[in-house]
N, C-alpha and C. Protein backbone atom coordinates (compact mmCIF):
# COMPACT_ATOMS: atom_id res chain seq x y z
N MET A 1 -155.41 248.83 139.13
CA MET A 1 -156.95 249.47 138.33
C MET A 1 -158.27 248.36 139.57
N LEU A 2 -159.18 248.81 139.64
CA LEU A 2 -160.10 248.45 140.62
C LEU A 2 -159.75 246.98 140.80
N GLY A 3 -158.78 247.54 141.95
CA GLY A 3 -158.26 246.59 142.82
C GLY A 3 -157.35 245.01 141.97
N LEU A 4 -157.25 245.24 140.60
CA LEU A 4 -156.01 243.91 140.21
C LEU A 4 -154.73 244.56 140.82
N LYS A 5 -154.19 243.33 141.01
CA LYS A 5 -152.72 242.87 141.47
C LYS A 5 -151.72 243.22 140.01
N VAL A 6 -152.30 243.03 139.03
CA VAL A 6 -150.90 243.19 138.09
C VAL A 6 -151.77 243.86 136.68
N SER A 7 -150.96 244.20 135.85
CA SER A 7 -151.14 244.95 134.92
C SER A 7 -150.64 244.36 133.85
N THR A 8 -151.77 244.65 132.75
CA THR A 8 -151.51 243.79 131.69
C THR A 8 -150.41 244.47 130.94
N ASP A 9 -149.58 243.69 130.12
CA ASP A 9 -148.01 243.96 129.75
C ASP A 9 -148.61 244.75 128.25
N ALA A 10 -147.77 245.52 128.33
CA ALA A 10 -147.71 246.94 127.67
C ALA A 10 -147.43 246.27 125.92
N GLY A 11 -147.32 245.30 125.95
CA GLY A 11 -147.67 244.68 124.63
C GLY A 11 -148.89 244.43 124.01
N TRP A 12 -149.89 244.18 125.32
CA TRP A 12 -150.73 243.58 124.60
C TRP A 12 -151.44 244.51 123.63
N ALA A 13 -151.91 246.01 124.07
CA ALA A 13 -152.70 246.96 123.40
C ALA A 13 -152.23 247.05 121.81
N ALA A 14 -150.95 246.96 121.78
CA ALA A 14 -150.46 247.50 120.07
C ALA A 14 -150.98 245.98 119.58
N ALA A 15 -150.56 245.05 120.20
CA ALA A 15 -151.19 243.60 119.00
C ALA A 15 -152.60 243.42 119.49
N ALA A 16 -153.47 243.86 120.35
CA ALA A 16 -154.66 244.12 120.30
C ALA A 16 -155.82 244.81 118.49
N MET A 17 -154.33 246.28 118.89
CA MET A 17 -155.33 246.89 118.11
C MET A 17 -155.05 246.33 116.23
N ARG A 18 -153.55 246.11 116.32
CA ARG A 18 -153.47 244.93 115.37
C ARG A 18 -154.42 244.30 114.90
N ASP A 19 -155.39 244.14 115.72
CA ASP A 19 -156.18 242.69 115.26
C ASP A 19 -157.73 242.96 116.13
N ALA A 20 -158.44 244.21 115.49
CA ALA A 20 -159.13 244.56 116.55
C ALA A 20 -160.73 243.24 116.04
N ASP A 21 -160.41 243.17 114.82
CA ASP A 21 -161.36 241.90 114.55
C ASP A 21 -161.93 240.87 115.68
N ALA A 22 -160.63 240.62 115.76
CA ALA A 22 -160.27 239.65 117.27
C ALA A 22 -160.87 239.82 118.40
N VAL A 23 -160.80 241.21 118.78
CA VAL A 23 -160.88 241.81 120.00
C VAL A 23 -162.62 241.65 120.07
N LEU A 24 -162.98 242.84 118.95
CA LEU A 24 -164.44 242.73 118.96
C LEU A 24 -164.85 241.15 119.24
N VAL A 25 -164.78 240.01 118.15
CA VAL A 25 -165.37 238.81 118.78
C VAL A 25 -165.04 238.50 120.11
N ASP A 26 -164.52 238.55 120.41
CA ASP A 26 -163.89 237.76 121.85
C ASP A 26 -164.94 238.70 123.01
N HIS A 27 -164.90 240.04 122.63
CA HIS A 27 -165.83 240.53 123.26
C HIS A 27 -167.04 240.21 123.18
N ALA A 28 -167.62 239.91 122.43
CA ALA A 28 -169.13 239.54 121.95
C ALA A 28 -169.26 238.15 122.81
N HIS A 29 -168.44 237.05 122.87
CA HIS A 29 -168.79 235.84 123.21
C HIS A 29 -168.40 236.62 124.60
N CYS A 30 -168.13 237.58 125.21
CA CYS A 30 -167.38 237.94 127.24
C CYS A 30 -168.93 238.77 126.81
N GLU A 31 -169.81 239.22 126.60
CA GLU A 31 -171.12 239.85 126.91
C GLU A 31 -172.40 238.46 127.17
N LEU A 32 -172.14 237.86 126.26
CA LEU A 32 -173.13 236.82 126.29
C LEU A 32 -172.84 236.08 127.07
N LYS A 33 -171.67 235.65 127.55
CA LYS A 33 -170.96 234.73 128.94
C LYS A 33 -171.67 235.72 130.25
N ALA A 34 -171.18 236.89 130.20
CA ALA A 34 -171.85 237.81 131.09
C ALA A 34 -173.04 237.89 131.57
N ALA A 35 -173.83 238.06 130.67
CA ALA A 35 -175.71 237.98 130.63
C ALA A 35 -175.95 236.41 131.14
N SER A 36 -175.48 235.62 130.59
CA SER A 36 -175.95 234.36 130.96
C SER A 36 -175.26 233.60 132.44
N ASN A 37 -174.02 234.37 133.01
CA ASN A 37 -173.48 234.49 134.41
C ASN A 37 -175.13 235.12 135.06
N ALA A 38 -175.15 236.26 134.95
CA ALA A 38 -176.05 236.95 135.68
C ALA A 38 -177.36 236.35 135.92
N LEU A 39 -177.86 235.80 134.44
CA LEU A 39 -179.06 235.42 134.75
C LEU A 39 -179.17 233.70 135.29
N SER A 40 -178.12 233.32 135.31
CA SER A 40 -178.16 231.99 135.82
C SER A 40 -178.04 232.29 137.76
N LEU A 41 -177.42 233.10 138.25
CA LEU A 41 -177.51 233.13 139.46
C LEU A 41 -178.92 233.86 139.77
N VAL A 42 -179.81 234.88 139.16
CA VAL A 42 -181.31 234.71 139.91
C VAL A 42 -181.50 233.74 139.60
N ALA A 43 -181.51 232.69 138.64
CA ALA A 43 -182.54 231.45 138.76
C ALA A 43 -182.06 230.50 139.98
N ARG A 44 -180.51 230.67 140.39
CA ARG A 44 -180.59 230.07 141.50
C ARG A 44 -180.88 230.83 142.89
N HIS A 45 -181.11 232.03 142.49
CA HIS A 45 -181.60 233.17 143.82
C HIS A 45 -182.63 233.74 143.40
N PRO A 46 -183.35 233.19 143.67
CA PRO A 46 -184.96 233.85 143.15
C PRO A 46 -185.68 234.83 144.09
N GLY A 47 -185.41 234.42 145.26
CA GLY A 47 -186.33 234.92 146.84
C GLY A 47 -185.75 236.19 146.77
N ASP A 48 -184.59 236.48 146.20
CA ASP A 48 -183.74 237.69 146.37
C ASP A 48 -183.70 239.08 145.76
N ALA A 49 -184.77 239.47 146.10
CA ALA A 49 -185.49 240.63 144.82
C ALA A 49 -184.43 241.95 144.72
N ALA A 50 -183.52 242.06 145.09
CA ALA A 50 -182.50 243.40 144.92
C ALA A 50 -181.38 242.63 144.54
N LEU A 51 -181.08 241.14 144.38
CA LEU A 51 -180.04 240.93 143.78
C LEU A 51 -180.91 239.96 142.51
N SER A 52 -181.80 240.01 142.13
CA SER A 52 -182.77 239.87 140.80
C SER A 52 -182.76 240.95 140.26
N GLN A 53 -183.10 241.93 141.16
CA GLN A 53 -183.17 243.03 139.60
C GLN A 53 -181.83 243.60 139.51
N ALA A 54 -180.63 243.45 139.97
CA ALA A 54 -179.65 244.41 139.68
C ALA A 54 -179.02 243.11 139.04
N LEU A 55 -179.19 242.36 139.16
CA LEU A 55 -178.28 241.14 137.99
C LEU A 55 -179.03 240.89 136.37
N THR A 56 -180.28 241.42 136.50
CA THR A 56 -181.02 241.50 135.75
C THR A 56 -180.87 242.91 134.52
N ASP A 57 -181.07 243.56 135.40
CA ASP A 57 -180.83 244.99 134.82
C ASP A 57 -178.92 244.63 134.14
N LEU A 58 -178.58 244.51 134.94
CA LEU A 58 -177.06 243.75 134.74
C LEU A 58 -176.90 243.27 132.98
N ALA A 59 -177.77 242.38 133.12
CA ALA A 59 -178.01 241.18 132.11
C ALA A 59 -178.29 241.79 130.86
N ARG A 60 -179.01 242.67 131.03
CA ARG A 60 -179.81 243.78 129.97
C ARG A 60 -178.89 244.42 128.94
N GLU A 61 -178.20 245.01 130.22
CA GLU A 61 -176.93 245.90 129.38
C GLU A 61 -176.02 244.88 128.10
N GLU A 62 -175.84 244.04 129.27
CA GLU A 62 -174.45 242.83 128.66
C GLU A 62 -175.36 242.60 127.54
N ILE A 63 -176.35 242.32 127.06
CA ILE A 63 -177.39 241.68 125.65
C ILE A 63 -177.10 243.19 124.61
N GLU A 64 -177.07 244.95 125.44
CA GLU A 64 -177.40 245.80 124.89
C GLU A 64 -175.82 245.28 123.63
N HIS A 65 -175.06 245.18 124.93
CA HIS A 65 -173.75 245.71 124.30
C HIS A 65 -173.45 244.57 123.16
N PHE A 66 -173.73 243.25 123.78
CA PHE A 66 -173.60 241.69 122.76
C PHE A 66 -173.94 242.58 121.11
N GLN A 67 -175.78 243.14 121.20
CA GLN A 67 -176.35 243.79 119.85
C GLN A 67 -174.68 244.81 118.87
N ARG A 68 -174.90 245.65 120.34
CA ARG A 68 -173.93 246.91 119.37
C ARG A 68 -172.44 246.23 118.92
N VAL A 69 -172.01 245.46 119.75
CA VAL A 69 -170.65 244.81 119.45
C VAL A 69 -171.05 243.96 117.91
N LEU A 70 -171.93 243.49 118.11
CA LEU A 70 -172.83 242.26 116.87
C LEU A 70 -172.33 243.19 115.62
N ALA A 71 -173.15 244.30 115.84
CA ALA A 71 -173.53 245.47 114.39
C ALA A 71 -172.15 245.69 113.98
N VAL A 72 -171.18 246.17 114.78
CA VAL A 72 -170.02 246.68 114.31
C VAL A 72 -169.30 245.36 113.75
N LEU A 73 -169.34 244.30 114.02
CA LEU A 73 -169.04 242.90 113.41
C LEU A 73 -169.33 242.62 111.78
N ALA A 74 -170.71 243.15 112.12
CA ALA A 74 -171.00 242.84 110.67
C ALA A 74 -170.83 243.52 109.82
N ALA A 75 -170.79 245.20 109.91
CA ALA A 75 -170.57 245.99 109.42
C ALA A 75 -169.23 245.79 108.58
N ARG A 76 -168.57 244.99 109.38
CA ARG A 76 -166.95 244.79 109.30
C ARG A 76 -167.16 243.47 108.51
N GLY A 77 -168.15 242.91 107.75
CA GLY A 77 -167.99 241.58 107.44
C GLY A 77 -166.73 240.44 108.29
N VAL A 78 -167.83 240.46 109.48
CA VAL A 78 -166.70 239.52 110.14
C VAL A 78 -167.98 238.73 110.96
N ALA A 79 -167.82 237.39 111.25
CA ALA A 79 -168.60 236.74 111.90
C ALA A 79 -168.11 236.43 112.62
N VAL A 80 -168.87 236.07 114.12
CA VAL A 80 -168.96 236.26 115.12
C VAL A 80 -168.34 234.30 115.49
N GLY A 81 -168.90 233.64 115.40
CA GLY A 81 -168.51 231.72 114.99
C GLY A 81 -168.72 231.19 116.77
N PRO A 82 -168.17 230.04 117.23
CA PRO A 82 -168.44 229.63 118.10
C PRO A 82 -167.51 230.02 119.01
N PRO A 83 -167.87 230.04 120.35
CA PRO A 83 -167.66 230.14 121.45
C PRO A 83 -166.03 229.60 122.02
N PRO A 84 -165.15 230.72 122.13
CA PRO A 84 -163.95 229.44 122.86
C PRO A 84 -164.03 229.00 123.86
N VAL A 85 -163.23 228.40 124.43
CA VAL A 85 -163.50 227.90 125.52
C VAL A 85 -162.57 229.04 126.76
N ASP A 86 -163.22 229.26 127.65
CA ASP A 86 -162.36 230.21 128.30
C ASP A 86 -161.71 230.33 129.98
N THR A 87 -160.42 229.36 129.60
CA THR A 87 -159.41 229.20 130.48
C THR A 87 -159.65 229.94 131.57
N TYR A 88 -159.40 231.16 131.28
CA TYR A 88 -159.66 232.44 132.59
C TYR A 88 -160.30 232.58 133.09
N ALA A 89 -161.83 232.23 133.08
CA ALA A 89 -162.80 232.81 133.96
C ALA A 89 -162.58 231.16 134.37
N ALA A 90 -162.62 229.86 133.77
CA ALA A 90 -162.71 228.56 134.45
C ALA A 90 -161.85 228.63 135.66
N SER A 91 -160.36 229.28 135.43
CA SER A 91 -159.83 229.36 136.59
C SER A 91 -159.91 229.67 137.66
N LEU A 92 -160.15 230.83 137.11
CA LEU A 92 -160.74 231.78 138.68
C LEU A 92 -161.84 231.31 139.09
N ARG A 93 -162.62 230.84 138.77
CA ARG A 93 -163.45 230.03 139.65
C ARG A 93 -162.70 228.49 140.36
N ARG A 94 -162.16 228.33 139.78
CA ARG A 94 -161.80 227.44 140.25
C ARG A 94 -160.30 227.35 141.95
N ALA A 95 -160.54 228.76 141.11
CA ALA A 95 -159.23 229.91 142.55
C ALA A 95 -160.22 229.62 143.65
N ALA A 96 -161.53 230.37 143.48
CA ALA A 96 -162.30 230.80 144.49
C ALA A 96 -162.33 229.85 145.04
N ASN A 97 -162.90 228.47 144.15
CA ASN A 97 -163.60 227.71 145.57
C ASN A 97 -162.48 226.99 146.06
N GLY A 98 -161.53 226.97 145.84
CA GLY A 98 -160.55 226.56 146.67
C GLY A 98 -159.38 227.47 147.80
N LEU A 99 -160.38 228.57 147.70
CA LEU A 99 -159.89 229.29 149.05
C LEU A 99 -160.71 228.99 150.22
N PRO A 100 -160.25 228.79 151.46
CA PRO A 100 -160.20 228.88 152.48
C PRO A 100 -162.02 229.42 152.80
N ARG A 101 -162.63 228.68 153.43
CA ARG A 101 -164.26 229.42 153.53
C ARG A 101 -165.07 229.80 155.00
N ASP A 102 -165.07 230.63 155.10
CA ASP A 102 -166.19 230.85 156.13
C ASP A 102 -167.22 230.98 156.04
N PRO A 103 -168.21 231.16 156.86
CA PRO A 103 -169.81 230.89 156.60
C PRO A 103 -170.20 232.01 156.17
N ARG A 104 -169.49 233.23 156.00
CA ARG A 104 -169.96 234.61 155.48
C ARG A 104 -169.81 234.46 154.18
N MET A 105 -168.71 233.82 153.42
CA MET A 105 -168.19 233.71 152.19
C MET A 105 -168.98 232.53 150.88
N THR A 106 -169.77 232.94 150.94
CA THR A 106 -170.92 231.45 150.41
C THR A 106 -169.95 231.20 148.83
N VAL A 107 -170.72 230.76 148.19
CA VAL A 107 -170.63 230.61 147.20
C VAL A 107 -171.27 231.56 146.48
N LEU A 108 -172.72 231.91 146.28
CA LEU A 108 -173.18 233.31 145.72
C LEU A 108 -172.03 234.28 146.25
N VAL A 109 -171.27 234.48 147.04
CA VAL A 109 -170.29 235.46 147.34
C VAL A 109 -169.17 235.26 146.47
N ASP A 110 -168.85 234.43 146.34
CA ASP A 110 -168.00 233.65 145.21
C ASP A 110 -167.92 234.82 143.91
N ARG A 111 -168.98 233.74 143.52
CA ARG A 111 -169.88 233.84 142.39
C ARG A 111 -169.76 234.91 141.89
N LEU A 112 -170.15 236.03 142.74
CA LEU A 112 -170.55 237.94 142.83
C LEU A 112 -168.79 238.27 142.40
N LEU A 113 -168.06 237.94 143.38
CA LEU A 113 -166.74 238.08 143.36
C LEU A 113 -165.46 238.10 141.72
N VAL A 114 -165.87 236.95 141.49
CA VAL A 114 -165.02 236.36 140.75
C VAL A 114 -166.13 237.66 139.26
N GLY A 115 -167.14 237.88 138.87
CA GLY A 115 -167.77 238.54 138.38
C GLY A 115 -167.09 239.72 138.24
N ALA A 116 -166.89 240.35 139.39
CA ALA A 116 -166.26 241.53 139.72
C ALA A 116 -165.01 241.92 139.11
N LEU A 117 -164.15 240.67 139.33
CA LEU A 117 -162.65 240.97 138.73
C LEU A 117 -162.73 240.63 136.87
N ILE A 118 -163.58 239.83 136.47
CA ILE A 118 -163.34 239.22 135.30
C ILE A 118 -164.03 240.94 134.09
N GLU A 119 -164.90 241.66 135.09
CA GLU A 119 -165.57 243.19 135.08
C GLU A 119 -163.90 244.09 134.78
N ALA A 120 -163.45 243.83 136.01
CA ALA A 120 -162.36 244.66 136.47
C ALA A 120 -161.36 244.30 135.23
N ARG A 121 -160.78 243.51 134.77
CA ARG A 121 -160.02 242.61 133.69
C ARG A 121 -160.07 243.71 132.44
N SER A 122 -161.39 243.38 132.39
CA SER A 122 -162.08 244.25 130.97
C SER A 122 -161.99 245.52 130.78
N CYS A 123 -162.32 245.95 132.03
CA CYS A 123 -162.34 247.61 131.99
C CYS A 123 -160.83 247.87 131.71
N GLU A 124 -160.14 247.40 132.69
CA GLU A 124 -158.15 247.45 132.40
C GLU A 124 -158.09 247.65 130.52
N ARG A 125 -158.60 246.43 130.06
CA ARG A 125 -158.18 246.41 128.88
C ARG A 125 -158.60 247.26 127.54
N PHE A 126 -160.03 247.88 127.85
CA PHE A 126 -160.97 248.46 127.04
C PHE A 126 -159.70 250.08 127.56
N GLN A 127 -159.67 250.68 128.69
CA GLN A 127 -158.72 252.04 129.01
C GLN A 127 -157.66 251.78 127.93
N LEU A 128 -156.78 250.70 128.18
CA LEU A 128 -155.81 250.14 127.22
C LEU A 128 -155.42 250.40 125.86
N LEU A 129 -156.70 250.04 125.25
CA LEU A 129 -157.18 250.69 124.14
C LEU A 129 -157.10 252.26 123.71
N ALA A 130 -158.17 252.49 124.50
CA ALA A 130 -158.49 253.14 124.51
C ALA A 130 -157.65 254.97 124.19
N GLU A 131 -156.59 254.52 125.36
CA GLU A 131 -155.72 255.49 125.53
C GLU A 131 -154.52 255.50 124.39
N ALA A 132 -154.68 254.13 123.69
CA ALA A 132 -153.59 253.86 122.60
C ALA A 132 -153.52 254.89 121.42
N VAL A 133 -154.96 254.85 121.46
CA VAL A 133 -155.82 255.21 119.85
C VAL A 133 -155.39 256.76 119.90
N GLN A 134 -155.78 257.22 121.32
CA GLN A 134 -155.91 258.70 121.69
C GLN A 134 -154.74 259.26 121.51
N ARG A 135 -153.52 258.16 121.79
CA ARG A 135 -152.24 258.73 121.70
C ARG A 135 -151.72 258.68 120.13
N GLY A 136 -152.38 258.14 119.34
CA GLY A 136 -152.19 258.15 118.08
C GLY A 136 -151.51 256.81 117.79
N GLU A 137 -151.14 256.25 117.90
CA GLU A 137 -150.20 254.48 118.13
C GLU A 137 -150.66 254.11 117.11
N GLY A 138 -149.91 253.67 116.16
CA GLY A 138 -150.13 252.55 115.06
C GLY A 138 -151.26 251.18 115.05
N GLY A 139 -152.15 251.32 114.47
CA GLY A 139 -152.60 249.89 114.55
C GLY A 139 -153.99 250.17 114.38
N GLY A 140 -153.98 251.24 115.52
CA GLY A 140 -155.47 251.45 116.23
C GLY A 140 -156.66 252.20 115.34
N ASP A 141 -157.53 251.86 115.37
CA ASP A 141 -158.96 251.96 114.92
C ASP A 141 -159.58 253.31 115.61
N ALA A 142 -159.18 254.46 115.05
CA ALA A 142 -159.94 255.40 115.58
C ALA A 142 -161.74 255.73 116.12
N LYS A 143 -161.98 255.18 114.77
CA LYS A 143 -163.40 254.53 114.68
C LYS A 143 -164.26 253.94 116.10
N LEU A 144 -163.30 253.13 116.58
CA LEU A 144 -163.50 252.33 118.23
C LEU A 144 -163.28 253.11 118.99
N GLN A 145 -162.64 253.74 119.15
CA GLN A 145 -162.11 254.51 120.57
C GLN A 145 -163.72 254.77 121.54
N GLY A 146 -164.73 255.52 120.62
CA GLY A 146 -165.64 255.93 121.10
C GLY A 146 -166.61 254.39 122.21
N LEU A 147 -166.61 253.64 120.61
CA LEU A 147 -167.03 251.93 121.80
C LEU A 147 -166.28 252.07 123.01
N TRP A 148 -164.71 251.22 122.92
CA TRP A 148 -163.52 251.30 124.08
C TRP A 148 -164.14 252.06 124.87
N ARG A 149 -164.26 253.32 125.17
CA ARG A 149 -164.43 254.06 126.25
C ARG A 149 -165.77 253.58 126.64
N GLU A 150 -167.12 253.82 125.84
CA GLU A 150 -168.43 253.49 126.99
C GLU A 150 -167.91 252.17 127.11
N LEU A 151 -167.55 250.88 126.73
CA LEU A 151 -167.38 249.59 127.54
C LEU A 151 -166.28 249.95 128.74
N LEU A 152 -165.44 250.75 128.42
CA LEU A 152 -164.46 250.61 129.92
C LEU A 152 -165.26 251.16 130.66
N ALA A 153 -166.53 252.40 130.93
CA ALA A 153 -167.22 252.35 131.42
C ALA A 153 -167.86 252.04 131.98
N SER A 154 -169.21 251.07 131.47
CA SER A 154 -169.76 250.41 131.59
C SER A 154 -169.68 248.78 132.62
N GLU A 155 -167.62 248.24 131.99
CA GLU A 155 -167.35 247.42 133.19
C GLU A 155 -167.23 248.18 134.48
N ALA A 156 -166.60 249.07 134.36
CA ALA A 156 -166.24 249.73 135.62
C ALA A 156 -167.42 249.62 136.85
N ARG A 157 -168.72 249.82 136.15
CA ARG A 157 -170.27 249.88 136.79
C ARG A 157 -170.31 248.50 137.33
N HIS A 158 -170.16 247.52 136.33
CA HIS A 158 -170.37 246.25 136.68
C HIS A 158 -169.30 245.62 138.05
N TYR A 159 -168.34 246.41 138.14
CA TYR A 159 -167.40 245.76 139.14
C TYR A 159 -167.84 246.57 140.38
N ARG A 160 -168.78 247.59 140.20
CA ARG A 160 -168.70 248.24 141.38
C ARG A 160 -170.58 247.41 141.92
N THR A 161 -170.65 246.90 141.21
CA THR A 161 -172.58 246.48 140.81
C THR A 161 -172.42 244.76 141.80
N PHE A 162 -171.41 244.53 141.36
CA PHE A 162 -170.75 242.83 141.63
C PHE A 162 -170.33 242.53 143.00
N VAL A 163 -169.55 243.98 143.63
CA VAL A 163 -168.95 243.98 145.01
C VAL A 163 -169.57 244.35 146.05
N ASP A 164 -170.86 245.36 145.53
CA ASP A 164 -172.10 245.82 146.52
C ASP A 164 -172.39 244.50 147.03
N LEU A 165 -173.14 243.92 145.60
CA LEU A 165 -173.93 242.67 145.96
C LEU A 165 -173.36 241.29 146.77
N ALA A 166 -172.58 241.17 146.58
CA ALA A 166 -171.18 240.80 147.35
C ALA A 166 -171.39 241.05 148.79
N VAL A 167 -171.04 242.02 149.00
CA VAL A 167 -171.47 242.49 150.49
C VAL A 167 -172.91 242.30 150.84
N GLY A 168 -173.87 243.07 150.40
CA GLY A 168 -174.68 242.37 150.58
C GLY A 168 -175.36 240.96 150.90
N ALA A 169 -175.06 239.70 150.07
CA ALA A 169 -175.17 238.91 149.88
C ALA A 169 -174.30 237.90 151.48
N ALA A 170 -173.18 238.86 151.90
CA ALA A 170 -172.23 238.85 153.26
C ALA A 170 -172.79 239.31 154.16
N GLY A 171 -174.28 239.79 154.26
CA GLY A 171 -174.41 240.26 155.41
C GLY A 171 -174.40 241.36 155.60
N GLY A 172 -173.71 242.50 154.73
CA GLY A 172 -173.37 243.51 154.92
C GLY A 172 -171.85 243.77 155.49
N ASP A 173 -171.34 242.81 155.66
CA ASP A 173 -169.67 243.03 155.98
C ASP A 173 -168.80 242.98 154.86
N ARG A 174 -168.92 244.66 154.54
CA ARG A 174 -168.04 245.01 153.87
C ARG A 174 -166.33 244.78 154.04
N ALA A 175 -165.42 244.50 154.86
CA ALA A 175 -164.41 243.95 155.21
C ALA A 175 -164.46 243.26 155.04
N ALA A 176 -164.94 242.14 155.02
CA ALA A 176 -164.53 240.54 155.18
C ALA A 176 -164.87 240.12 153.21
N VAL A 177 -165.71 241.43 153.08
CA VAL A 177 -165.56 241.21 151.56
C VAL A 177 -164.59 241.59 150.77
N VAL A 178 -164.37 242.43 150.94
CA VAL A 178 -163.02 243.59 150.92
C VAL A 178 -161.62 242.26 150.89
N GLU A 179 -161.74 241.90 151.67
CA GLU A 179 -160.87 241.10 152.29
C GLU A 179 -160.58 239.74 151.44
N ARG A 180 -161.38 239.36 150.50
CA ARG A 180 -161.72 237.67 150.33
C ARG A 180 -161.53 238.37 148.48
N LEU A 181 -162.19 239.88 148.20
CA LEU A 181 -161.66 240.04 146.77
C LEU A 181 -159.94 240.36 146.70
N ASP A 182 -159.85 240.61 147.72
CA ASP A 182 -157.90 241.46 147.42
C ASP A 182 -157.55 239.39 147.60
N ARG A 183 -157.69 238.19 147.67
CA ARG A 183 -157.14 237.03 147.88
C ARG A 183 -157.67 236.69 146.56
N LEU A 184 -158.87 236.67 146.30
CA LEU A 184 -159.08 236.08 144.85
C LEU A 184 -158.34 237.07 143.44
N ALA A 185 -157.86 238.40 143.95
CA ALA A 185 -157.33 239.47 143.04
C ALA A 185 -156.05 238.60 142.46
N GLU A 186 -154.98 238.14 143.96
CA GLU A 186 -154.05 237.60 143.65
C GLU A 186 -153.77 236.25 142.68
N ALA A 187 -154.65 235.74 142.95
CA ALA A 187 -155.75 234.37 142.17
C ALA A 187 -155.17 234.90 140.76
N GLU A 188 -156.18 235.81 140.56
CA GLU A 188 -156.31 236.42 139.43
C GLU A 188 -154.88 236.70 139.23
N ALA A 189 -153.91 237.96 139.18
CA ALA A 189 -153.42 238.08 138.65
C ALA A 189 -152.18 236.58 138.11
N ALA A 190 -152.14 235.55 139.27
CA ALA A 190 -151.41 234.25 138.64
C ALA A 190 -151.78 234.13 137.60
N ILE A 191 -153.17 233.76 137.58
CA ILE A 191 -153.92 233.09 136.06
C ILE A 191 -153.40 233.83 134.94
N VAL A 192 -153.41 235.28 135.44
CA VAL A 192 -153.32 235.95 133.96
C VAL A 192 -152.03 235.87 133.45
N SER A 193 -150.86 236.02 134.45
CA SER A 193 -149.31 235.96 134.32
C SER A 193 -148.91 234.88 133.73
N GLY A 194 -149.71 233.42 134.11
CA GLY A 194 -149.64 232.26 133.72
C GLY A 194 -149.95 231.53 132.64
N LEU A 195 -150.93 232.39 132.24
CA LEU A 195 -151.55 232.21 130.62
C LEU A 195 -150.63 232.83 129.53
N ALA A 196 -149.94 233.78 130.10
CA ALA A 196 -149.30 234.33 128.72
C ALA A 196 -148.02 233.70 129.54
N LYS A 197 -147.62 233.33 130.24
CA LYS A 197 -145.97 232.04 130.16
C LYS A 197 -146.47 231.00 129.52
N SER A 198 -147.58 230.11 129.78
CA SER A 198 -147.89 229.28 129.29
C SER A 198 -148.13 229.15 127.59
N GLU A 199 -148.46 229.90 127.35
CA GLU A 199 -149.08 230.12 125.47
C GLU A 199 -147.69 230.78 125.00
N GLY A 200 -146.84 231.28 125.63
CA GLY A 200 -145.56 231.61 125.14
C GLY A 200 -145.70 233.34 124.47
N ASP A 201 -147.07 233.70 124.60
CA ASP A 201 -146.81 235.19 124.21
C ASP A 201 -148.28 235.65 125.13
N VAL A 202 -148.01 236.98 125.24
CA VAL A 202 -148.25 238.37 126.42
C VAL A 202 -149.23 238.94 125.47
N THR A 203 -149.39 238.84 124.32
CA THR A 203 -150.16 239.55 123.51
C THR A 203 -151.30 239.13 123.21
N ARG A 204 -151.84 237.85 123.52
CA ARG A 204 -153.61 237.75 122.38
C ARG A 204 -154.53 238.95 122.51
N ALA A 205 -155.06 238.57 121.42
CA ALA A 205 -156.06 240.00 121.64
C ALA A 205 -157.57 239.60 121.83
N THR A 206 -157.26 239.19 123.63
CA THR A 206 -158.55 238.88 124.04
C THR A 206 -158.57 239.79 125.70
N ILE A 207 -160.27 239.83 125.76
CA ILE A 207 -160.25 241.22 126.47
C ILE A 207 -160.14 240.37 128.07
N HIS A 208 -160.34 239.37 128.28
CA HIS A 208 -159.63 238.77 129.65
C HIS A 208 -159.01 237.62 129.12
N GLY A 209 -158.00 236.95 130.10
CA GLY A 209 -157.09 236.04 130.16
C GLY A 209 -155.62 236.31 129.93
């Protein structure tokens, strides 16, 4: 899905459905981080009007989703709490920094492609949740199915936005961007697999990582 090189373990959705509150809390933090990341890129590149417009639109949608998830959590009597350390995102940024760089593949391009892969992983996991609920598998919260589907569609759009912005930042060289995205996707696959092995648990109720 969306260029990912490894699928989430089949046991993840079942574990996540058993702890929907943890999924919601994790995603609330993800939405805030995504909005902050988008706005930080705007602040670093204020002269690029097209980039600024696209990323502020994206940040606005992330904040709207944060508010939506926050309302669901409040109705369930669950507090968000402080954000956890995001080992997945930090590892993905380090992997991007470690790739050989040619002049077209700037830091901005890499930041945008990292954002794209994070959105792709989130999209995949929301789809797993929505499909599991549709199949009527035990532990699923049918009341949340609509939210899962709304979020997976949003993550897919954001993935495409990030890739298109990366192409623009690379001077329109889509082939070079796709090649770099493919290399980053390989690193992302290793990170996801490594996190599962290092923690001895492939079923953490997180949206990415």
